[in-house]
Every structure is written in C-alpha cells, then in structure tokens.
Amino acid sequence: MARAAAEPQIMVALASFVGGIGKAEISIREGDLFASSDPVVRKFPHLFGPVEVRVSVPGPRVEQATAAPGEERP
C-alpha cells in the first residue's frame, strides 16, 4: 500500500551560517536538526543534508569463562 504523502525527513546543517527568514535573522550551527519542511531548509537547501542513521549490531555473545565470586557453575 502506497503512502498518501511523504513524511518529513530530518535534515542536518552541514555548516554553521547566519541567514534571513522574512525579517528575522537566524543563526544555525553545524549539526542542528530540522524537518525538511522547515522554512530555513527550504530557503537554504544546499546547506543541509539528510540525517544518516547507523545501527551497530552487537557481535556474538561470549560466555564468561569463570564463575564470579559466590556464583556456582554447572
């Protein structure tokens, strides 16, 4: 089933900058997060990129070789 509308994407500022939105001057720091629909992202799209989410998968579980104090091993 297709989605009716695309969900807003999270965007990250690639560099720090100061810019005007309407009559307001705003200060953006590198790493600040915004929705892709935010007016500052729409006005300065070249200064933003999509957030990349990385998931690390834990390695195989390693069994403890010796019993801890007070612990009995079978």
N, C-alpha and C. Protein backbone atom coordinates (compact mmCIF):
# COMPACT_ATOMS: atom_id res chain seq x y z
N MET A 1 0.84 -1.18 0.00
CA MET A 1 0.00 0.00 0.00
C MET A 1 0.89 1.24 0.00
N ALA A 2 0.64 2.16 -0.89
CA ALA A 2 1.45 3.38 -1.01
C ALA A 2 1.00 4.42 0.01
N ARG A 3 1.93 5.22 0.44
CA ARG A 3 1.62 6.31 1.36
C ARG A 3 0.96 7.45 0.60
N ALA A 4 0.05 8.15 1.28
CA ALA A 4 -0.63 9.28 0.64
C ALA A 4 0.33 10.45 0.43
N ALA A 5 1.16 10.72 1.43
CA ALA A 5 2.11 11.83 1.33
C ALA A 5 3.41 11.42 2.01
N ALA A 6 4.52 11.94 1.50
CA ALA A 6 5.82 11.62 2.09
C ALA A 6 5.94 12.29 3.46
N GLU A 7 6.51 11.56 4.40
CA GLU A 7 6.73 12.11 5.73
C GLU A 7 7.93 13.05 5.69
N PRO A 8 7.94 14.08 6.53
CA PRO A 8 9.09 14.99 6.55
C PRO A 8 10.35 14.22 6.95
N GLN A 9 11.42 14.56 6.32
CA GLN A 9 12.70 13.94 6.60
C GLN A 9 13.48 14.84 7.55
N ILE A 10 14.28 14.24 8.41
CA ILE A 10 15.14 15.02 9.31
C ILE A 10 16.38 15.41 8.53
N MET A 11 16.70 16.71 8.58
CA MET A 11 17.86 17.24 7.87
C MET A 11 18.84 17.81 8.89
N VAL A 12 20.13 17.75 8.57
CA VAL A 12 21.17 18.26 9.45
C VAL A 12 21.92 19.39 8.74
N ALA A 13 22.23 20.44 9.49
CA ALA A 13 23.00 21.55 8.92
C ALA A 13 24.43 21.08 8.68
N LEU A 14 24.93 21.27 7.48
CA LEU A 14 26.27 20.81 7.11
C LEU A 14 27.35 21.81 7.51
N ALA A 15 26.94 23.05 7.78
CA ALA A 15 27.88 24.10 8.18
C ALA A 15 27.13 25.13 9.02
N SER A 16 27.85 25.89 9.79
CA SER A 16 27.24 26.99 10.55
C SER A 16 27.05 28.17 9.61
N PHE A 17 25.93 28.87 9.77
CA PHE A 17 25.68 30.05 8.93
C PHE A 17 24.64 30.95 9.58
N VAL A 18 24.54 32.16 9.08
CA VAL A 18 23.52 33.12 9.50
C VAL A 18 22.74 33.47 8.25
N GLY A 19 21.41 33.46 8.37
CA GLY A 19 20.59 33.75 7.20
C GLY A 19 19.30 34.43 7.61
N GLY A 20 18.67 35.04 6.65
CA GLY A 20 17.42 35.74 6.90
C GLY A 20 16.22 34.93 6.46
N ILE A 21 15.23 34.86 7.33
CA ILE A 21 13.94 34.26 7.00
C ILE A 21 12.92 35.35 7.27
N GLY A 22 12.35 35.89 6.22
CA GLY A 22 11.46 37.05 6.38
C GLY A 22 12.29 38.21 6.90
N LYS A 23 11.83 38.84 7.99
CA LYS A 23 12.56 39.96 8.58
C LYS A 23 13.49 39.50 9.71
N ALA A 24 13.46 38.21 10.03
CA ALA A 24 14.28 37.68 11.13
C ALA A 24 15.62 37.17 10.61
N GLU A 25 16.66 37.40 11.38
CA GLU A 25 17.98 36.85 11.07
C GLU A 25 18.19 35.68 12.02
N ILE A 26 18.50 34.52 11.47
CA ILE A 26 18.67 33.34 12.31
C ILE A 26 20.10 32.82 12.21
N SER A 27 20.53 32.20 13.29
CA SER A 27 21.86 31.63 13.39
C SER A 27 21.71 30.11 13.46
N ILE A 28 22.34 29.41 12.55
CA ILE A 28 22.28 27.95 12.50
C ILE A 28 23.68 27.43 12.76
N ARG A 29 23.77 26.41 13.62
CA ARG A 29 25.07 25.79 13.89
C ARG A 29 25.18 24.45 13.16
N GLU A 30 26.36 24.12 12.73
CA GLU A 30 26.60 22.83 12.10
C GLU A 30 26.10 21.73 13.04
N GLY A 31 25.33 20.81 12.50
CA GLY A 31 24.80 19.71 13.31
C GLY A 31 23.39 19.94 13.81
N ASP A 32 22.86 21.17 13.70
CA ASP A 32 21.47 21.44 14.10
C ASP A 32 20.54 20.62 13.22
N LEU A 33 19.44 20.13 13.82
CA LEU A 33 18.48 19.30 13.09
C LEU A 33 17.19 20.05 12.81
N PHE A 34 16.65 19.83 11.61
CA PHE A 34 15.41 20.47 11.18
C PHE A 34 14.60 19.48 10.35
N ALA A 35 13.29 19.67 10.32
CA ALA A 35 12.44 18.91 9.40
C ALA A 35 12.68 19.44 7.99
N SER A 36 12.56 18.58 7.01
CA SER A 36 12.78 19.00 5.62
C SER A 36 11.77 20.06 5.18
N SER A 37 10.65 20.16 5.88
CA SER A 37 9.63 21.14 5.54
C SER A 37 9.86 22.50 6.20
N ASP A 38 10.87 22.63 7.05
CA ASP A 38 11.15 23.88 7.75
C ASP A 38 11.55 24.96 6.74
N PRO A 39 11.08 26.20 6.95
CA PRO A 39 11.40 27.29 6.01
C PRO A 39 12.91 27.52 5.81
N VAL A 40 13.71 27.34 6.84
CA VAL A 40 15.15 27.56 6.68
C VAL A 40 15.77 26.50 5.77
N VAL A 41 15.27 25.27 5.84
CA VAL A 41 15.78 24.21 4.96
C VAL A 41 15.33 24.47 3.52
N ARG A 42 14.12 24.93 3.37
CA ARG A 42 13.62 25.22 2.02
C ARG A 42 14.36 26.40 1.37
N LYS A 43 14.74 27.37 2.18
CA LYS A 43 15.44 28.54 1.63
C LYS A 43 16.92 28.26 1.35
N PHE A 44 17.55 27.44 2.19
CA PHE A 44 18.98 27.15 2.04
C PHE A 44 19.23 25.64 1.90
N PRO A 45 18.62 24.97 0.92
CA PRO A 45 18.74 23.51 0.84
C PRO A 45 20.17 23.02 0.64
N HIS A 46 21.02 23.84 0.03
CA HIS A 46 22.40 23.45 -0.22
C HIS A 46 23.23 23.37 1.07
N LEU A 47 22.70 23.90 2.17
CA LEU A 47 23.42 23.88 3.44
C LEU A 47 22.94 22.77 4.37
N PHE A 48 22.07 21.89 3.87
CA PHE A 48 21.53 20.80 4.67
C PHE A 48 21.66 19.48 3.94
N GLY A 49 21.73 18.41 4.71
CA GLY A 49 21.76 17.06 4.14
C GLY A 49 20.93 16.15 5.02
N PRO A 50 20.53 15.00 4.49
CA PRO A 50 19.72 14.07 5.28
C PRO A 50 20.53 13.47 6.42
N VAL A 51 19.85 13.18 7.51
CA VAL A 51 20.50 12.52 8.65
C VAL A 51 20.70 11.06 8.28
N GLU A 52 21.88 10.56 8.52
CA GLU A 52 22.16 9.14 8.29
C GLU A 52 22.17 8.44 9.64
N VAL A 53 21.35 7.42 9.75
CA VAL A 53 21.27 6.66 10.99
C VAL A 53 22.04 5.37 10.79
N ARG A 54 22.98 5.14 11.66
CA ARG A 54 23.78 3.90 11.59
C ARG A 54 23.45 3.06 12.81
N VAL A 55 23.22 1.79 12.58
CA VAL A 55 22.90 0.88 13.66
C VAL A 55 24.02 -0.14 13.74
N SER A 56 24.61 -0.25 14.92
CA SER A 56 25.64 -1.27 15.07
C SER A 56 25.01 -2.51 15.66
N VAL A 57 25.31 -3.63 15.06
CA VAL A 57 24.78 -4.90 15.50
C VAL A 57 25.81 -5.53 16.44
N PRO A 58 25.38 -5.88 17.67
CA PRO A 58 26.34 -6.47 18.59
C PRO A 58 26.84 -7.81 18.06
N GLY A 59 28.08 -8.10 18.37
CA GLY A 59 28.67 -9.36 17.95
C GLY A 59 28.09 -10.54 18.71
N PRO A 60 28.59 -11.72 18.44
CA PRO A 60 28.07 -12.90 19.14
C PRO A 60 28.34 -12.81 20.64
N ARG A 61 27.41 -13.35 21.41
CA ARG A 61 27.55 -13.34 22.86
C ARG A 61 28.68 -14.28 23.26
N VAL A 62 29.55 -13.80 24.14
CA VAL A 62 30.68 -14.59 24.60
C VAL A 62 30.40 -15.00 26.04
N GLU A 63 30.46 -16.29 26.28
CA GLU A 63 30.20 -16.80 27.62
C GLU A 63 31.38 -16.47 28.53
N GLN A 64 31.05 -16.14 29.78
CA GLN A 64 32.09 -15.85 30.78
C GLN A 64 32.82 -17.15 31.09
N ALA A 65 34.15 -17.14 31.10
CA ALA A 65 34.95 -18.35 31.26
C ALA A 65 34.99 -18.86 32.69
N THR A 66 34.91 -17.99 33.65
CA THR A 66 34.99 -18.43 35.05
C THR A 66 33.79 -17.89 35.83
N ALA A 67 33.52 -18.54 36.95
CA ALA A 67 32.42 -18.12 37.79
C ALA A 67 32.82 -16.86 38.57
N ALA A 68 31.85 -16.00 38.75
CA ALA A 68 32.08 -14.80 39.57
C ALA A 68 32.07 -15.22 41.03
N PRO A 69 32.63 -14.39 41.93
CA PRO A 69 32.63 -14.75 43.35
C PRO A 69 31.21 -15.06 43.84
N GLY A 70 31.06 -16.21 44.49
CA GLY A 70 29.76 -16.64 45.02
C GLY A 70 28.86 -17.28 43.99
N GLU A 71 29.30 -17.38 42.76
CA GLU A 71 28.48 -17.99 41.71
C GLU A 71 28.93 -19.41 41.47
N GLU A 72 27.99 -20.30 41.37
CA GLU A 72 28.31 -21.71 41.07
C GLU A 72 28.09 -21.97 39.59
N ARG A 73 28.99 -22.72 39.00
CA ARG A 73 28.86 -23.08 37.60
C ARG A 73 28.45 -24.53 37.52
N PRO A 74 27.58 -24.88 36.58
CA PRO A 74 27.15 -26.29 36.46
C PRO A 74 28.25 -27.20 36.02
